[in-house]
Amino acid sequence: MVDTSEKCVDLDDVRCPTDVNLGTISRLMETITIVVPYAASQGSGNNFEPLFGDFILSGDGKNKLLENKIRKIVDEINNYLKNGTDFKRTWAPFYLLKEISQKIKENCLGEDEKCYYRGQSNNWELLPGTMRSNVNEKYRDAFENEYHQMGLDYEEITYQPLSKNSGNEVIDRKEIRVRNIAKLQHFGMATPFVDITLNPFVAMYFMLSGKNKNSGFEELRPEFDIFICSNKVDNGTLVDMAPHTADNVRLNAQKGAFLNFEKPITHKEMQPLTRIKIEFQFSLPIMIRLLNDEVEAQQTNKEIKENLKVISEYFNQFGDEDMSVSDMVSYFNESEKKNIQKQIKSLTMAKASSSDMSSIAHLRDWLEEVTNLEEKGRGLIQARDFLELQVVKTLNKFNEKLRIKLNEYQVNDLTMFPDLPKHAEYVARKYPPKRNQSNKTKSFDLGVVDKVEN
């Protein structure tokens, strides 16, 4: 249950779009975070199930009552996973999220409350398109004018100015504005809205949109959000419903609603929105444990053993259970690479200034030291590439498993985007063109550092 008594947020300091910032958003949210550590074994194949570590819960302290209820749910799930067969803490991603969502609905909602959901492929800040860092800074101020112009140019769009007044007439005008900005949102335009949905399966679908690409490595952390608020139309929070109309079939198909970041401008006070953020994070300790099990069972090759040895040595050296893959990759690419280069350079300078290098014994010792350092550098790069590949492969399998299960519930590209342009794209992807034999697919390469420089 969300306790909204005496929690109104005063918004007298918010008068225009540029006044809505991260500080404003933080005031309008009470956030509870659940981090779900996971990894998967090398030999999972088609029977892939990720292995989960202990869920880690944290809160911002704004709703202790709800936080305690969520903690009980997390403890219950952790105990369930611990008691799995052979301590195999596996669970299909779909069923894990379905179970958490169901338990929150059963244990945390009041009679007049309901849940909304949002999925995203990484743990980005919860910001509308007009406020995101990759959007031209001039666009936020220009949005109103661009919307107005589109209302003049296209009969499908009706321009309605933002109004701060109250009364039934203003409510009608507000609905017109929300309905039309919702259209712009689904045409791909950056707006002051963030998509949410009444259907948790739709939110899971939108967790699948991100991919690791060959152009570089990024450790994606899929995120699934649950929002709790009053089921009243005017619920006093950021949540806003857009009318489901025949000319916005995507909104209907996705059971869509929005977080409306224009509300702080038009309201003198609002209720904070409860957000339960579930973040999936690839776990180095779980990966190392799984690979060690496979080494002991003699299910791995020499290359995997060598990479595991390097990764384990550095992981133990840092002694940080929470160390992320990105942290280790950065260390490999920056600190340790430079350290090896520095040592080789030092040895080379010593050789140039030493008269002892005329002897074969001293020259042999110098070559051995340089060779060992170069081999260490090559081993470091191989371990880094192996580590990046583990993250990519595991996330791709995670997404594939989730996509297959969602498809069984008729949640897929075609049902989420039932308009004609997207249907045509779907058919084109379903029947890809033939490839020429001479145009062979390039091998998977995640290299960030070419080699240790001599």
Protein backbone atom coordinates (compact mmCIF):
# COMPACT_ATOMS: atom_id res chain seq x y z
CA MET A 1 0.00 0.00 0.00
CA VAL A 2 1.24 3.47 -0.89
CA ASP A 3 0.90 5.87 2.04
CA THR A 4 0.20 9.28 0.49
CA SER A 5 -0.88 11.08 3.65
CA GLU A 6 1.05 14.29 4.29
CA LYS A 7 3.29 13.58 1.28
CA CYS A 8 2.29 16.35 -1.09
CA VAL A 9 5.24 17.84 -2.97
CA ASP A 10 5.17 21.64 -3.24
CA LEU A 11 5.86 22.76 -6.83
CA ASP A 12 5.70 26.57 -6.54
CA ASP A 13 9.29 26.72 -7.82
CA VAL A 14 8.34 25.01 -11.13
CA ARG A 15 6.94 27.51 -13.62
CA CYS A 16 8.24 26.45 -17.05
CA PRO A 17 9.66 23.33 -18.78
CA THR A 18 13.28 24.19 -17.96
CA ASP A 19 12.39 24.26 -14.24
CA VAL A 20 11.67 20.50 -14.39
CA ASN A 21 15.02 18.84 -13.64
CA LEU A 22 16.46 15.74 -11.96
CA GLY A 23 15.89 17.34 -8.57
CA THR A 24 12.20 17.89 -9.35
CA ILE A 25 11.83 14.31 -10.56
CA SER A 26 13.54 12.96 -7.44
CA ARG A 27 11.05 14.86 -5.26
CA LEU A 28 8.17 13.35 -7.23
CA MET A 29 9.38 9.75 -6.85
CA GLU A 30 9.86 7.37 -3.95
CA THR A 31 12.15 4.65 -5.29
CA ILE A 32 12.91 1.14 -4.10
CA THR A 33 15.63 -0.67 -6.07
CA ILE A 34 16.12 -4.43 -6.43
CA VAL A 35 19.40 -5.46 -8.06
CA VAL A 36 19.30 -8.97 -9.53
CA PRO A 37 22.83 -10.40 -10.11
CA TYR A 38 22.99 -13.04 -12.83
CA ALA A 39 25.30 -14.97 -15.15
CA ALA A 40 25.13 -18.14 -17.26
CA SER A 41 27.46 -21.03 -17.96
CA GLN A 42 29.41 -21.61 -21.18
CA GLY A 43 27.71 -24.87 -21.94
CA SER A 44 24.13 -23.76 -21.46
CA GLY A 45 23.18 -24.18 -25.10
CA ASN A 46 19.47 -24.26 -25.86
CA ASN A 47 18.69 -25.15 -22.26
CA PHE A 48 19.92 -21.76 -21.10
CA GLU A 49 18.73 -20.64 -17.70
CA PRO A 50 20.59 -17.81 -15.95
CA LEU A 51 21.92 -18.39 -12.47
CA PHE A 52 20.83 -15.69 -10.01
CA GLY A 53 22.61 -14.41 -6.93
CA ASP A 54 21.00 -12.88 -3.84
CA PHE A 55 18.68 -10.03 -4.79
CA ILE A 56 19.95 -6.77 -3.26
CA LEU A 57 17.36 -4.28 -2.02
CA SER A 58 17.82 -0.59 -1.30
CA GLY A 59 15.42 2.31 -0.84
CA ASP A 60 15.47 6.10 -0.62
CA GLY A 61 13.78 5.99 2.80
CA LYS A 62 10.62 7.83 1.71
CA ASN A 63 8.27 4.87 2.20
CA LYS A 64 9.59 2.57 4.93
CA LEU A 65 6.31 0.65 5.19
CA LEU A 66 6.38 -0.41 1.54
CA GLU A 67 10.12 -1.00 1.66
CA ASN A 68 9.64 -3.54 4.48
CA LYS A 69 6.95 -5.33 2.48
CA ILE A 70 9.20 -5.51 -0.58
CA ARG A 71 12.04 -6.77 1.60
CA LYS A 72 9.88 -9.71 2.74
CA ILE A 73 9.14 -10.56 -0.91
CA VAL A 74 12.85 -10.37 -1.79
CA ASP A 75 13.79 -12.59 1.18
CA GLU A 76 11.15 -15.10 0.15
CA ILE A 77 12.46 -15.27 -3.43
CA ASN A 78 16.08 -15.52 -2.26
CA ASN A 79 15.16 -18.44 0.00
CA TYR A 80 13.30 -20.11 -2.87
CA LEU A 81 16.33 -19.82 -5.14
CA LYS A 82 18.71 -21.09 -2.44
CA ASN A 83 16.62 -24.24 -2.05
CA GLY A 84 16.78 -25.08 -5.73
CA THR A 85 18.10 -28.43 -6.87
CA ASP A 86 21.88 -28.68 -6.33
CA PHE A 87 21.83 -25.03 -5.32
CA LYS A 88 21.16 -24.19 -8.96
CA ARG A 89 19.57 -20.79 -8.47
CA THR A 90 18.01 -20.80 -11.92
CA TRP A 91 14.74 -19.32 -13.08
CA ALA A 92 13.50 -18.30 -16.51
CA PRO A 93 13.60 -14.46 -16.72
CA PHE A 94 9.93 -14.35 -17.74
CA TYR A 95 8.72 -16.30 -14.72
CA LEU A 96 10.99 -14.42 -12.33
CA LEU A 97 9.53 -11.04 -13.36
CA LYS A 98 6.00 -12.49 -13.46
CA GLU A 99 6.42 -13.80 -9.90
CA ILE A 100 7.77 -10.52 -8.53
CA SER A 101 5.00 -8.52 -10.23
CA GLN A 102 2.33 -10.85 -8.91
CA LYS A 103 3.65 -10.79 -5.33
CA ILE A 104 3.79 -6.99 -5.35
CA LYS A 105 0.20 -6.79 -6.60
CA GLU A 106 -0.96 -9.25 -3.94
CA ASN A 107 0.96 -7.81 -0.98
CA CYS A 108 1.61 -4.12 -1.62
CA LEU A 109 -1.50 -2.60 -3.23
CA GLY A 110 -4.44 -0.97 -1.49
CA GLU A 111 -8.00 -1.42 -2.72
CA ASP A 112 -7.94 1.78 -4.78
CA GLU A 113 -4.46 1.29 -6.29
CA LYS A 114 -3.04 -0.32 -9.39
CA CYS A 115 0.30 -0.97 -11.08
CA TYR A 116 1.86 0.41 -14.21
CA TYR A 117 5.04 -1.01 -15.75
CA ARG A 118 7.98 0.04 -17.88
CA GLY A 119 10.84 -1.94 -19.42
CA GLN A 120 14.09 -0.59 -20.85
CA SER A 121 17.20 -2.35 -22.09
CA ASN A 122 19.55 -0.42 -19.80
CA ASN A 123 19.35 1.41 -16.48
CA TRP A 124 19.11 4.88 -17.98
CA GLU A 125 17.76 7.79 -16.01
CA LEU A 126 13.95 7.93 -16.07
CA LEU A 127 13.71 11.03 -18.26
CA PRO A 128 11.36 12.12 -21.06
CA GLY A 129 12.77 12.52 -24.55
CA THR A 130 12.96 16.31 -24.25
CA MET A 131 15.28 16.04 -21.21
CA ARG A 132 17.70 13.30 -22.33
CA SER A 133 21.39 14.03 -22.73
CA ASN A 134 21.50 12.89 -26.37
CA VAL A 135 18.81 15.40 -27.41
CA ASN A 136 19.81 18.79 -28.82
CA GLU A 137 19.74 21.27 -25.94
CA LYS A 138 17.76 23.75 -28.04
CA TYR A 139 15.00 21.24 -28.70
CA ARG A 140 13.47 21.42 -25.24
CA ASP A 141 12.67 25.12 -25.63
CA ALA A 142 11.61 24.58 -29.24
CA PHE A 143 9.25 21.65 -28.55
CA GLU A 144 6.15 23.82 -28.06
CA ASN A 145 6.73 25.68 -31.31
CA GLU A 146 7.42 22.43 -33.24
CA TYR A 147 4.22 20.90 -31.84
CA HIS A 148 2.27 24.04 -32.79
CA GLN A 149 3.67 23.95 -36.33
CA MET A 150 2.75 20.29 -36.75
CA GLY A 151 -0.77 21.15 -35.66
CA LEU A 152 -0.92 23.64 -38.54
CA ASP A 153 0.65 21.27 -41.08
CA TYR A 154 -1.19 18.00 -40.35
CA GLU A 155 -4.88 17.49 -39.79
CA GLU A 156 -4.12 14.43 -37.61
CA ILE A 157 -2.53 16.73 -34.99
CA THR A 158 -4.47 19.31 -32.96
CA TYR A 159 -2.40 21.90 -31.15
CA GLN A 160 -3.51 22.69 -27.62
CA PRO A 161 -1.44 25.13 -25.50
CA LEU A 162 -0.32 24.15 -22.02
CA SER A 163 -2.73 25.57 -19.43
CA LYS A 164 -2.18 26.12 -15.70
CA ASN A 165 -5.80 26.96 -14.91
CA SER A 166 -8.42 24.58 -13.47
CA GLY A 167 -12.05 23.69 -14.22
CA ASN A 168 -13.89 21.26 -16.52
CA GLU A 169 -13.10 23.23 -19.67
CA VAL A 170 -9.37 23.14 -18.87
CA ILE A 171 -9.57 19.39 -18.18
CA ASP A 172 -11.03 18.89 -21.67
CA ARG A 173 -8.22 20.99 -23.19
CA LYS A 174 -5.65 19.04 -21.19
CA GLU A 175 -7.00 15.75 -22.61
CA ILE A 176 -6.68 17.15 -26.12
CA ARG A 177 -3.05 18.07 -25.47
CA VAL A 178 -2.22 14.69 -23.91
CA ARG A 179 -3.90 12.80 -26.77
CA ASN A 180 -1.97 14.70 -29.43
CA ILE A 181 1.42 14.60 -27.72
CA ALA A 182 0.83 10.85 -27.31
CA LYS A 183 0.49 10.64 -31.12
CA LEU A 184 3.76 12.52 -31.58
CA GLN A 185 5.44 10.18 -29.08
CA HIS A 186 4.40 7.12 -31.04
CA PHE A 187 5.50 8.68 -34.32
CA GLY A 188 9.00 8.77 -32.77
CA MET A 189 9.18 12.42 -31.73
CA ALA A 190 10.88 13.29 -28.43
CA THR A 191 8.22 14.64 -26.05
CA PRO A 192 7.79 15.48 -22.34
CA PHE A 193 6.23 11.99 -21.88
CA VAL A 194 7.69 8.62 -20.86
CA ASP A 195 5.89 5.46 -22.01
CA ILE A 196 4.47 3.11 -19.38
CA THR A 197 1.91 0.31 -19.67
CA LEU A 198 -0.77 -1.52 -17.72
CA ASN A 199 0.55 -4.85 -19.04
CA PRO A 200 3.74 -6.27 -17.44
CA PHE A 201 4.36 -8.47 -20.51
CA VAL A 202 4.51 -5.37 -22.71
CA ALA A 203 7.09 -3.87 -20.33
CA MET A 204 9.16 -7.08 -20.62
CA TYR A 205 9.01 -6.75 -24.41
CA PHE A 206 10.58 -3.30 -24.27
CA MET A 207 13.44 -4.66 -22.16
CA LEU A 208 14.54 -6.48 -25.32
CA SER A 209 15.23 -3.44 -27.50
CA GLY A 210 18.93 -3.04 -26.65
CA LYS A 211 21.80 -4.95 -28.23
CA ASN A 212 25.55 -5.05 -27.73
CA LYS A 213 27.10 -4.13 -31.06
CA ASN A 214 30.44 -4.95 -32.59
CA SER A 215 31.43 -1.27 -32.61
CA GLY A 216 32.38 -1.45 -28.93
CA PHE A 217 31.51 -2.92 -25.59
CA GLU A 218 28.79 -1.64 -23.30
CA GLU A 219 27.57 -3.54 -20.26
CA LEU A 220 23.79 -3.26 -20.57
CA ARG A 221 21.69 -3.68 -17.42
CA PRO A 222 18.07 -4.42 -18.37
CA GLU A 223 15.52 -2.72 -16.12
CA PHE A 224 11.90 -3.47 -15.26
CA ASP A 225 9.94 -0.79 -13.39
CA ILE A 226 6.73 -1.17 -11.40
CA PHE A 227 4.82 2.01 -10.51
CA ILE A 228 2.07 2.10 -7.89
CA CYS A 229 -0.53 4.84 -7.72
CA SER A 230 -4.24 5.49 -7.16
CA ASN A 231 -6.55 4.09 -9.82
CA LYS A 232 -8.35 7.43 -10.10
CA VAL A 233 -8.10 9.19 -13.46
CA ASP A 234 -6.60 12.24 -11.76
CA ASN A 235 -4.31 10.35 -9.37
CA GLY A 236 -2.16 13.33 -8.36
CA THR A 237 1.09 11.74 -9.59
CA LEU A 238 3.09 11.92 -12.82
CA VAL A 239 0.94 9.12 -14.31
CA ASP A 240 -1.39 10.25 -17.10
CA MET A 241 -3.78 8.32 -19.33
CA ALA A 242 -4.14 9.24 -22.99
CA PRO A 243 -7.48 8.35 -24.62
CA HIS A 244 -7.17 5.21 -26.73
CA THR A 245 -8.32 6.27 -30.18
CA ALA A 246 -8.59 4.61 -33.58
CA ASP A 247 -5.79 6.74 -35.00
CA ASN A 248 -3.25 5.58 -32.37
CA VAL A 249 -3.34 1.80 -32.68
CA ARG A 250 0.06 1.36 -30.99
CA LEU A 251 -1.21 2.97 -27.79
CA ASN A 252 -4.15 0.57 -27.76
CA ALA A 253 -2.01 -2.50 -28.48
CA GLN A 254 0.56 -1.61 -25.82
CA LYS A 255 -2.05 -0.79 -23.14
CA GLY A 256 -0.21 2.48 -22.98
CA ALA A 257 -0.13 5.31 -20.49
CA PHE A 258 2.50 7.95 -19.72
CA LEU A 259 4.53 9.68 -17.11
CA ASN A 260 3.69 13.28 -17.95
CA PHE A 261 6.57 15.60 -17.06
CA GLU A 262 4.48 18.68 -17.87
CA LYS A 263 2.33 18.05 -14.81
CA PRO A 264 4.78 19.74 -12.37
CA ILE A 265 4.32 22.94 -14.40
CA THR A 266 0.51 22.88 -14.24
CA HIS A 267 0.09 21.65 -10.63
CA LYS A 268 0.93 23.57 -7.47
CA GLU A 269 1.44 20.29 -5.60
CA MET A 270 1.54 16.59 -6.45
CA GLN A 271 1.75 13.18 -4.79
CA PRO A 272 5.03 11.26 -5.09
CA LEU A 273 4.87 8.25 -7.39
CA THR A 274 6.07 4.93 -5.98
CA ARG A 275 8.63 3.25 -8.22
CA ILE A 276 10.02 -0.26 -7.73
CA LYS A 277 13.07 -0.58 -9.97
CA ILE A 278 14.31 -4.09 -10.81
CA GLU A 279 17.76 -4.01 -12.40
CA PHE A 280 19.53 -7.05 -13.87
CA GLN A 281 23.30 -6.88 -13.44
CA PHE A 282 25.81 -9.36 -14.85
CA SER A 283 27.76 -10.83 -11.92
CA LEU A 284 31.48 -11.57 -12.06
CA PRO A 285 31.43 -13.82 -8.92
CA ILE A 286 28.63 -15.97 -10.37
CA MET A 287 30.39 -16.24 -13.74
CA ILE A 288 33.67 -17.26 -12.08
CA ARG A 289 31.88 -19.80 -9.92
CA LEU A 290 30.12 -21.35 -12.94
CA LEU A 291 33.31 -21.55 -14.98
CA ASN A 292 35.21 -23.09 -12.06
CA ASP A 293 32.49 -25.75 -11.81
CA GLU A 294 32.91 -26.50 -15.51
CA VAL A 295 36.70 -26.66 -15.18
CA GLU A 296 36.36 -29.17 -12.35
CA ALA A 297 33.91 -31.20 -14.43
CA GLN A 298 36.38 -31.06 -17.36
CA GLN A 299 33.80 -29.39 -19.60
CA THR A 300 36.00 -26.52 -20.79
CA ASN A 301 38.94 -26.12 -23.17
CA LYS A 302 42.43 -24.78 -22.51
CA GLU A 303 41.60 -21.27 -23.72
CA ILE A 304 38.71 -20.89 -21.27
CA LYS A 305 40.89 -22.13 -18.41
CA GLU A 306 43.60 -19.58 -19.23
CA ASN A 307 41.12 -16.71 -19.47
CA LEU A 308 39.43 -17.76 -16.24
CA LYS A 309 42.80 -17.82 -14.49
CA VAL A 310 43.58 -14.22 -15.53
CA ILE A 311 40.11 -12.94 -14.62
CA SER A 312 40.11 -14.73 -11.25
CA GLU A 313 43.55 -13.37 -10.34
CA TYR A 314 42.52 -9.78 -10.93
CA PHE A 315 39.13 -10.27 -9.28
CA ASN A 316 40.79 -11.70 -6.15
CA GLN A 317 43.40 -8.95 -6.25
CA PHE A 318 40.69 -6.29 -5.96
CA GLY A 319 38.65 -8.28 -3.44
CA ASP A 320 35.45 -6.44 -4.40
CA GLU A 321 32.40 -8.70 -4.73
CA ASP A 322 30.47 -5.83 -6.33
CA MET A 323 33.08 -5.17 -9.02
CA SER A 324 31.32 -4.85 -12.38
CA VAL A 325 32.47 -6.19 -15.73
CA SER A 326 32.81 -2.60 -16.96
CA ASP A 327 35.17 -1.82 -14.06
CA MET A 328 37.39 -4.80 -14.88
CA VAL A 329 37.38 -4.10 -18.62
CA SER A 330 38.32 -0.46 -17.95
CA TYR A 331 41.16 -1.61 -15.70
CA PHE A 332 42.44 -3.99 -18.39
CA ASN A 333 42.21 -1.32 -21.09
CA GLU A 334 43.71 1.53 -19.11
CA SER A 335 45.70 0.89 -15.94
CA GLU A 336 47.15 -2.56 -16.60
CA LYS A 337 47.83 -1.97 -20.27
CA LYS A 338 49.75 1.22 -19.46
CA ASN A 339 51.58 -0.55 -16.66
CA ILE A 340 52.83 -3.26 -19.02
CA GLN A 341 53.82 -0.70 -21.66
CA LYS A 342 55.71 1.28 -19.02
CA GLN A 343 57.62 -1.82 -17.87
CA ILE A 344 58.59 -2.73 -21.45
CA LYS A 345 59.71 0.84 -22.13
CA SER A 346 61.75 0.84 -18.91
CA LEU A 347 63.47 -2.40 -19.88
CA THR A 348 64.20 -1.08 -23.37
CA MET A 349 65.75 2.12 -21.99
CA ALA A 350 67.80 0.09 -19.53
CA LYS A 351 69.08 -2.08 -22.37
CA ALA A 352 70.11 0.97 -24.42
CA SER A 353 72.09 2.50 -21.56
CA SER A 354 73.67 -0.69 -20.20
CA SER A 355 77.09 -1.87 -21.18
CA ASP A 356 76.26 -5.32 -19.79
CA MET A 357 73.97 -6.05 -22.74
CA SER A 358 77.00 -7.00 -24.81
CA SER A 359 77.00 -10.37 -23.06
CA ILE A 360 74.68 -13.04 -24.43
CA ALA A 361 73.50 -13.96 -20.92
CA HIS A 362 72.28 -10.44 -20.13
CA LEU A 363 70.66 -10.08 -23.53
CA ARG A 364 68.89 -13.41 -23.08
CA ASP A 365 67.57 -12.31 -19.67
CA TRP A 366 66.33 -9.02 -21.15
CA LEU A 367 64.55 -10.78 -24.02
CA GLU A 368 62.93 -13.20 -21.58
CA GLU A 369 61.57 -10.36 -19.43
CA VAL A 370 60.22 -8.48 -22.46
CA THR A 371 58.69 -11.66 -23.90
CA ASN A 372 56.99 -12.46 -20.58
CA LEU A 373 55.50 -8.97 -20.42
CA GLU A 374 54.26 -9.19 -24.01
CA GLU A 375 52.68 -12.57 -23.30
CA LYS A 376 51.04 -11.10 -20.21
CA GLY A 377 49.65 -8.27 -22.35
CA ARG A 378 48.29 -10.69 -24.94
CA GLY A 379 46.75 -12.80 -22.18
CA LEU A 380 45.17 -9.70 -20.72
CA ILE A 381 43.57 -8.76 -24.03
CA GLN A 382 42.32 -12.30 -24.58
CA ALA A 383 40.80 -12.37 -21.09
CA ARG A 384 39.17 -9.00 -21.67
CA ASP A 385 37.67 -10.11 -24.99
CA PHE A 386 36.49 -13.35 -23.39
CA LEU A 387 34.86 -11.44 -20.54
CA GLU A 388 33.07 -9.05 -22.90
CA LEU A 389 31.87 -11.97 -24.98
CA GLN A 390 30.43 -13.69 -21.90
CA VAL A 391 28.33 -10.62 -21.13
CA VAL A 392 27.12 -10.27 -24.72
CA LYS A 393 26.28 -13.97 -25.14
CA THR A 394 24.51 -14.17 -21.79
CA LEU A 395 22.40 -11.07 -22.43
CA ASN A 396 21.51 -12.25 -25.94
CA LYS A 397 20.38 -15.61 -24.55
CA PHE A 398 18.52 -13.85 -21.75
CA ASN A 399 16.66 -11.77 -24.34
CA GLU A 400 16.06 -14.73 -26.63
CA LYS A 401 14.55 -16.77 -23.81
CA LEU A 402 12.31 -13.88 -22.78
CA ARG A 403 11.26 -13.19 -26.39
CA ILE A 404 10.21 -16.81 -26.98
CA LYS A 405 8.05 -16.87 -23.86
CA LEU A 406 6.45 -13.49 -24.64
CA ASN A 407 5.62 -14.70 -28.14
CA GLU A 408 3.59 -17.52 -26.56
CA TYR A 409 1.48 -14.78 -24.99
CA GLN A 410 1.14 -12.97 -28.35
CA VAL A 411 3.49 -10.16 -27.32
CA ASN A 412 5.83 -9.57 -30.27
CA ASP A 413 6.84 -7.03 -32.91
CA LEU A 414 3.64 -7.51 -34.90
CA THR A 415 1.18 -7.19 -32.01
CA MET A 416 3.01 -4.28 -30.36
CA PHE A 417 3.18 -2.26 -33.59
CA PRO A 418 0.03 -3.22 -35.54
CA ASP A 419 0.10 -0.24 -37.92
CA LEU A 420 0.79 -0.76 -41.63
CA PRO A 421 4.36 0.70 -41.83
CA LYS A 422 5.59 -1.50 -38.97
CA HIS A 423 3.78 -4.56 -40.36
CA ALA A 424 5.60 -4.06 -43.66
CA GLU A 425 8.95 -3.83 -41.82
CA TYR A 426 8.08 -7.00 -39.90
CA VAL A 427 7.42 -8.93 -43.13
CA ALA A 428 10.69 -7.65 -44.64
CA ARG A 429 12.68 -8.89 -41.61
CA LYS A 430 10.85 -12.21 -41.71
CA TYR A 431 12.17 -12.89 -45.24
CA PRO A 432 15.72 -11.46 -45.39
CA PRO A 433 17.40 -11.21 -48.82
CA LYS A 434 19.87 -13.85 -49.94
CA ARG A 435 23.53 -13.26 -49.22
CA ASN A 436 26.20 -13.60 -51.88
CA GLN A 437 28.66 -16.37 -51.15
CA SER A 438 31.51 -13.92 -51.62
CA ASN A 439 30.03 -11.54 -49.05
CA LYS A 440 30.83 -13.58 -45.97
CA THR A 441 29.74 -12.44 -42.53
CA LYS A 442 32.55 -10.91 -40.51
CA SER A 443 33.67 -12.71 -37.38
CA PHE A 444 32.50 -11.44 -34.01
CA ASP A 445 35.08 -8.90 -32.83
CA LEU A 446 34.75 -6.95 -29.62
CA GLY A 447 38.30 -5.66 -29.64
CA VAL A 448 38.80 -2.29 -27.97
CA VAL A 449 42.60 -2.45 -27.73
CA ASP A 450 44.42 -3.89 -30.73
CA LYS A 451 47.51 -5.12 -28.93
CA VAL A 452 50.12 -4.15 -26.37
CA GLU A 453 52.38 -1.62 -27.98
CA ASN A 454 56.10 -2.39 -27.91
